[in-house]
């Protein structure tokens, strides 16, 4: 049991473009089920994980703009603003993923 736990935390150290892409899909699913209306804590939790994933990417690509956008989302109260900021972040993340896929 300890071996599998150690392996999973070792695997969590560096993220891949696939990990980031999967997290974006998870967050999009929350928006599709209108979590931004009354379950913003779920979105904020996922954003925190996305930020951690971005910061552990094994790449020279700058993620600071995306991290700043995540920080803005985490303090956003308005559902409409949340959606707008998510769309902007999603575009930034997609650009990062495309750049990463060229280097992987």
N, C-alpha and C. Protein backbone atom coordinates (compact mmCIF):
# COMPACT_ATOMS: atom_id res chain seq x y z
N UNK A 1 0.83 -1.20 0.00
CA UNK A 1 0.00 0.00 0.00
C UNK A 1 0.87 1.26 0.00
N UNK A 2 1.91 1.29 0.79
CA UNK A 2 2.78 2.45 0.82
C UNK A 2 3.49 2.65 -0.51
N UNK A 3 3.84 1.53 -1.18
CA UNK A 3 4.50 1.64 -2.47
C UNK A 3 3.61 2.34 -3.50
N UNK A 4 2.33 1.98 -3.53
CA UNK A 4 1.44 2.60 -4.51
C UNK A 4 1.23 4.07 -4.17
N UNK A 5 1.20 4.40 -2.90
CA UNK A 5 1.05 5.80 -2.50
C UNK A 5 2.29 6.59 -2.91
N UNK A 6 3.46 6.03 -2.71
CA UNK A 6 4.70 6.70 -3.09
C UNK A 6 4.76 6.87 -4.60
N UNK A 7 4.31 5.86 -5.34
CA UNK A 7 4.32 5.96 -6.79
C UNK A 7 3.38 7.05 -7.28
N UNK A 8 2.19 7.13 -6.68
CA UNK A 8 1.25 8.13 -7.15
C UNK A 8 1.75 9.53 -6.84
N UNK A 9 2.39 9.74 -5.69
CA UNK A 9 2.89 11.08 -5.42
C UNK A 9 4.10 11.40 -6.29
N UNK A 10 4.87 10.39 -6.66
CA UNK A 10 5.99 10.63 -7.58
C UNK A 10 5.44 11.01 -8.95
N UNK A 11 4.35 10.37 -9.36
CA UNK A 11 3.75 10.68 -10.65
C UNK A 11 3.08 12.05 -10.66
N UNK A 12 2.70 12.55 -9.48
CA UNK A 12 2.03 13.84 -9.39
C UNK A 12 3.01 15.01 -9.46
N UNK A 13 4.29 14.73 -9.36
CA UNK A 13 5.27 15.81 -9.27
C UNK A 13 5.29 16.66 -10.54
N UNK A 14 5.39 16.03 -11.70
CA UNK A 14 5.43 16.79 -12.95
C UNK A 14 4.18 16.48 -13.77
N UNK A 15 3.57 17.52 -14.30
CA UNK A 15 2.37 17.34 -15.11
C UNK A 15 2.71 17.29 -16.58
N UNK A 16 1.78 16.73 -17.32
CA UNK A 16 1.91 16.63 -18.77
C UNK A 16 0.80 17.46 -19.42
N UNK A 17 0.92 17.72 -20.72
CA UNK A 17 -0.18 18.42 -21.41
C UNK A 17 -1.51 17.67 -21.25
N UNK A 18 -1.43 16.34 -21.21
CA UNK A 18 -2.66 15.55 -21.05
C UNK A 18 -3.31 15.85 -19.70
N UNK A 19 -2.51 15.94 -18.63
CA UNK A 19 -3.05 16.25 -17.30
C UNK A 19 -3.78 17.59 -17.29
N UNK A 20 -3.15 18.57 -17.91
CA UNK A 20 -3.73 19.92 -17.97
C UNK A 20 -5.03 19.88 -18.78
N UNK A 21 -4.98 19.22 -19.91
CA UNK A 21 -6.16 19.11 -20.77
C UNK A 21 -7.31 18.43 -20.04
N UNK A 22 -7.00 17.40 -19.28
CA UNK A 22 -8.03 16.68 -18.53
C UNK A 22 -8.64 17.58 -17.46
N UNK A 23 -7.82 18.36 -16.79
CA UNK A 23 -8.32 19.26 -15.75
C UNK A 23 -9.23 20.32 -16.36
N UNK A 24 -8.87 20.82 -17.55
CA UNK A 24 -9.71 21.80 -18.24
C UNK A 24 -11.07 21.18 -18.57
N UNK A 25 -11.08 19.93 -19.00
CA UNK A 25 -12.35 19.24 -19.29
C UNK A 25 -13.19 19.10 -18.02
N UNK A 26 -12.53 18.78 -16.91
CA UNK A 26 -13.25 18.65 -15.63
C UNK A 26 -13.91 19.97 -15.24
N UNK A 27 -13.16 21.07 -15.40
CA UNK A 27 -13.69 22.38 -15.04
C UNK A 27 -14.82 22.77 -15.99
N UNK A 28 -14.64 22.51 -17.28
CA UNK A 28 -15.69 22.83 -18.25
C UNK A 28 -16.97 22.07 -17.91
N UNK A 29 -16.85 20.83 -17.46
CA UNK A 29 -18.02 20.05 -17.07
C UNK A 29 -18.76 20.72 -15.91
N UNK A 30 -18.01 21.32 -14.98
CA UNK A 30 -18.65 22.04 -13.88
C UNK A 30 -19.45 23.24 -14.40
N UNK A 31 -18.87 23.97 -15.34
CA UNK A 31 -19.59 25.11 -15.91
C UNK A 31 -20.82 24.64 -16.68
N UNK A 32 -20.70 23.52 -17.38
CA UNK A 32 -21.83 23.00 -18.16
C UNK A 32 -22.99 22.60 -17.26
N UNK A 33 -22.68 22.20 -16.03
CA UNK A 33 -23.78 21.85 -15.12
C UNK A 33 -24.12 23.02 -14.18
N UNK A 34 -23.68 24.21 -14.58
CA UNK A 34 -24.02 25.46 -13.88
C UNK A 34 -23.50 25.55 -12.46
N UNK A 35 -22.37 24.94 -12.19
CA UNK A 35 -21.77 25.05 -10.86
C UNK A 35 -21.40 26.49 -10.53
N UNK A 36 -21.17 27.31 -11.56
CA UNK A 36 -20.81 28.71 -11.33
C UNK A 36 -21.97 29.52 -10.74
N UNK A 37 -23.16 28.95 -10.77
CA UNK A 37 -24.33 29.66 -10.22
C UNK A 37 -24.41 29.52 -8.70
N UNK A 38 -24.15 28.31 -8.18
CA UNK A 38 -24.33 28.14 -6.73
C UNK A 38 -23.34 27.17 -6.09
N UNK A 39 -22.38 26.69 -6.84
CA UNK A 39 -21.36 25.80 -6.28
C UNK A 39 -19.96 26.28 -6.68
N UNK A 40 -19.73 27.57 -6.52
CA UNK A 40 -18.46 28.13 -6.97
C UNK A 40 -17.27 27.51 -6.24
N UNK A 41 -17.51 27.00 -5.02
CA UNK A 41 -16.40 26.36 -4.29
C UNK A 41 -15.82 25.18 -5.07
N UNK A 42 -16.67 24.48 -5.81
CA UNK A 42 -16.17 23.36 -6.63
C UNK A 42 -15.25 23.86 -7.74
N UNK A 43 -15.64 24.96 -8.35
CA UNK A 43 -14.81 25.55 -9.40
C UNK A 43 -13.51 26.05 -8.81
N UNK A 44 -13.59 26.71 -7.65
CA UNK A 44 -12.38 27.22 -7.01
C UNK A 44 -11.43 26.09 -6.64
N UNK A 45 -11.97 24.97 -6.17
CA UNK A 45 -11.12 23.81 -5.84
C UNK A 45 -10.40 23.30 -7.08
N UNK A 46 -11.13 23.19 -8.19
CA UNK A 46 -10.53 22.71 -9.44
C UNK A 46 -9.49 23.71 -9.96
N UNK A 47 -9.78 24.99 -9.80
CA UNK A 47 -8.83 26.02 -10.24
C UNK A 47 -7.52 25.92 -9.44
N UNK A 48 -7.66 25.64 -8.17
CA UNK A 48 -6.47 25.48 -7.33
C UNK A 48 -5.62 24.31 -7.83
N UNK A 49 -6.28 23.20 -8.17
CA UNK A 49 -5.57 22.04 -8.70
C UNK A 49 -4.93 22.36 -10.06
N UNK A 50 -5.66 23.11 -10.90
CA UNK A 50 -5.12 23.49 -12.20
C UNK A 50 -3.88 24.36 -12.03
N UNK A 51 -3.94 25.29 -11.08
CA UNK A 51 -2.79 26.14 -10.80
C UNK A 51 -1.59 25.30 -10.38
N UNK A 52 -1.82 24.36 -9.48
CA UNK A 52 -0.73 23.46 -9.05
C UNK A 52 -0.17 22.69 -10.23
N UNK A 53 -1.06 22.19 -11.09
CA UNK A 53 -0.63 21.44 -12.28
C UNK A 53 0.25 22.32 -13.17
N UNK A 54 -0.20 23.53 -13.41
CA UNK A 54 0.56 24.44 -14.28
C UNK A 54 1.94 24.73 -13.69
N UNK A 55 1.98 24.92 -12.38
CA UNK A 55 3.24 25.26 -11.73
C UNK A 55 4.20 24.09 -11.65
N UNK A 56 3.70 22.87 -11.85
CA UNK A 56 4.58 21.70 -11.82
C UNK A 56 4.87 21.15 -13.23
N UNK A 57 4.50 21.92 -14.25
CA UNK A 57 4.83 21.50 -15.61
C UNK A 57 6.33 21.47 -15.78
N UNK A 58 6.80 20.45 -16.43
CA UNK A 58 8.23 20.33 -16.69
C UNK A 58 8.50 20.98 -18.05
N UNK A 59 8.52 22.32 -18.06
CA UNK A 59 8.63 23.03 -19.33
C UNK A 59 9.17 24.43 -19.10
N UNK A 60 9.70 25.02 -20.15
CA UNK A 60 10.17 26.41 -20.09
C UNK A 60 9.08 27.40 -20.45
N UNK A 61 7.91 26.90 -20.79
CA UNK A 61 6.81 27.77 -21.20
C UNK A 61 6.28 28.53 -19.98
N UNK A 62 6.11 29.83 -20.13
CA UNK A 62 5.62 30.65 -19.02
C UNK A 62 4.13 30.40 -18.78
N UNK A 63 3.79 30.16 -17.54
CA UNK A 63 2.40 29.93 -17.17
C UNK A 63 1.88 31.04 -16.25
N UNK A 64 2.69 32.08 -16.05
CA UNK A 64 2.32 33.09 -15.06
C UNK A 64 1.06 33.85 -15.43
N UNK A 65 0.84 34.12 -16.70
CA UNK A 65 -0.39 34.80 -17.11
C UNK A 65 -1.61 33.95 -16.75
N UNK A 66 -1.52 32.66 -17.02
CA UNK A 66 -2.63 31.75 -16.69
C UNK A 66 -2.84 31.68 -15.18
N UNK A 67 -1.76 31.66 -14.42
CA UNK A 67 -1.87 31.62 -12.96
C UNK A 67 -2.54 32.90 -12.44
N UNK A 68 -2.19 34.03 -13.02
CA UNK A 68 -2.84 35.29 -12.64
C UNK A 68 -4.34 35.24 -12.95
N UNK A 69 -4.68 34.67 -14.09
CA UNK A 69 -6.10 34.54 -14.46
C UNK A 69 -6.83 33.62 -13.48
N UNK A 70 -6.18 32.55 -13.07
CA UNK A 70 -6.77 31.63 -12.08
C UNK A 70 -7.01 32.39 -10.77
N UNK A 71 -6.03 33.18 -10.35
CA UNK A 71 -6.19 33.94 -9.11
C UNK A 71 -7.37 34.91 -9.21
N UNK A 72 -7.57 35.51 -10.37
CA UNK A 72 -8.73 36.38 -10.56
C UNK A 72 -10.04 35.59 -10.44
N UNK A 73 -10.06 34.43 -11.04
CA UNK A 73 -11.27 33.59 -10.98
C UNK A 73 -11.58 33.22 -9.54
N UNK A 74 -10.56 32.94 -8.77
CA UNK A 74 -10.78 32.50 -7.39
C UNK A 74 -11.36 33.59 -6.49
N UNK A 75 -11.30 34.85 -6.90
CA UNK A 75 -11.91 35.92 -6.11
C UNK A 75 -13.15 36.49 -6.77
N UNK A 76 -13.58 35.89 -7.87
CA UNK A 76 -14.74 36.37 -8.61
C UNK A 76 -16.02 35.81 -7.99
N UNK A 77 -16.98 36.70 -7.74
CA UNK A 77 -18.26 36.30 -7.16
C UNK A 77 -19.37 36.19 -8.21
N UNK A 78 -19.37 37.08 -9.17
CA UNK A 78 -20.44 37.12 -10.17
C UNK A 78 -20.37 35.92 -11.11
N UNK A 79 -21.48 35.17 -11.24
CA UNK A 79 -21.49 34.02 -12.16
C UNK A 79 -21.14 34.41 -13.60
N UNK A 80 -21.65 35.55 -14.06
CA UNK A 80 -21.37 35.97 -15.44
C UNK A 80 -19.88 36.28 -15.61
N UNK A 81 -19.30 36.94 -14.63
CA UNK A 81 -17.87 37.24 -14.69
C UNK A 81 -17.03 35.97 -14.61
N UNK A 82 -17.50 35.01 -13.81
CA UNK A 82 -16.80 33.72 -13.73
C UNK A 82 -16.72 33.06 -15.10
N UNK A 83 -17.84 33.05 -15.81
CA UNK A 83 -17.88 32.44 -17.13
C UNK A 83 -16.92 33.17 -18.07
N UNK A 84 -16.98 34.50 -18.06
CA UNK A 84 -16.11 35.29 -18.94
C UNK A 84 -14.64 35.01 -18.65
N UNK A 85 -14.29 35.01 -17.37
CA UNK A 85 -12.89 34.79 -17.00
C UNK A 85 -12.46 33.37 -17.31
N UNK A 86 -13.38 32.41 -17.17
CA UNK A 86 -13.07 31.03 -17.51
C UNK A 86 -12.78 30.91 -19.00
N UNK A 87 -13.59 31.55 -19.84
CA UNK A 87 -13.37 31.48 -21.29
C UNK A 87 -12.00 32.05 -21.65
N UNK A 88 -11.62 33.16 -21.02
CA UNK A 88 -10.31 33.76 -21.27
C UNK A 88 -9.20 32.81 -20.83
N UNK A 89 -9.35 32.25 -19.63
CA UNK A 89 -8.35 31.31 -19.11
C UNK A 89 -8.27 30.08 -20.01
N UNK A 90 -9.40 29.59 -20.44
CA UNK A 90 -9.43 28.40 -21.30
C UNK A 90 -8.61 28.63 -22.57
N UNK A 91 -8.75 29.82 -23.15
CA UNK A 91 -7.96 30.15 -24.34
C UNK A 91 -6.47 30.15 -24.03
N UNK A 92 -6.10 30.73 -22.90
CA UNK A 92 -4.69 30.76 -22.49
C UNK A 92 -4.15 29.36 -22.27
N UNK A 93 -4.93 28.52 -21.61
CA UNK A 93 -4.52 27.15 -21.32
C UNK A 93 -4.35 26.37 -22.63
N UNK A 94 -5.28 26.58 -23.56
CA UNK A 94 -5.19 25.87 -24.84
C UNK A 94 -3.91 26.26 -25.59
N UNK A 95 -3.52 27.54 -25.51
CA UNK A 95 -2.27 27.97 -26.13
C UNK A 95 -1.07 27.30 -25.46
N UNK A 96 -1.12 27.20 -24.13
CA UNK A 96 -0.04 26.53 -23.39
C UNK A 96 0.05 25.06 -23.81
N UNK A 97 -1.10 24.40 -23.88
CA UNK A 97 -1.14 22.98 -24.26
C UNK A 97 -0.57 22.79 -25.67
N UNK A 98 -0.95 23.66 -26.59
CA UNK A 98 -0.44 23.56 -27.97
C UNK A 98 1.07 23.74 -27.99
N UNK A 99 1.58 24.70 -27.24
CA UNK A 99 3.02 24.91 -27.17
C UNK A 99 3.73 23.70 -26.55
N UNK A 100 3.11 23.14 -25.52
CA UNK A 100 3.71 21.97 -24.87
C UNK A 100 3.74 20.77 -25.80
N UNK A 101 2.69 20.58 -26.55
CA UNK A 101 2.62 19.41 -27.44
C UNK A 101 3.69 19.48 -28.51
N UNK A 102 4.13 20.68 -28.85
CA UNK A 102 5.21 20.82 -29.82
C UNK A 102 6.54 20.38 -29.22
N UNK A 103 6.66 20.52 -27.89
CA UNK A 103 7.94 20.19 -27.24
C UNK A 103 7.96 18.78 -26.68
N UNK A 104 6.78 18.14 -26.52
CA UNK A 104 6.76 16.79 -25.95
C UNK A 104 7.02 15.76 -27.02
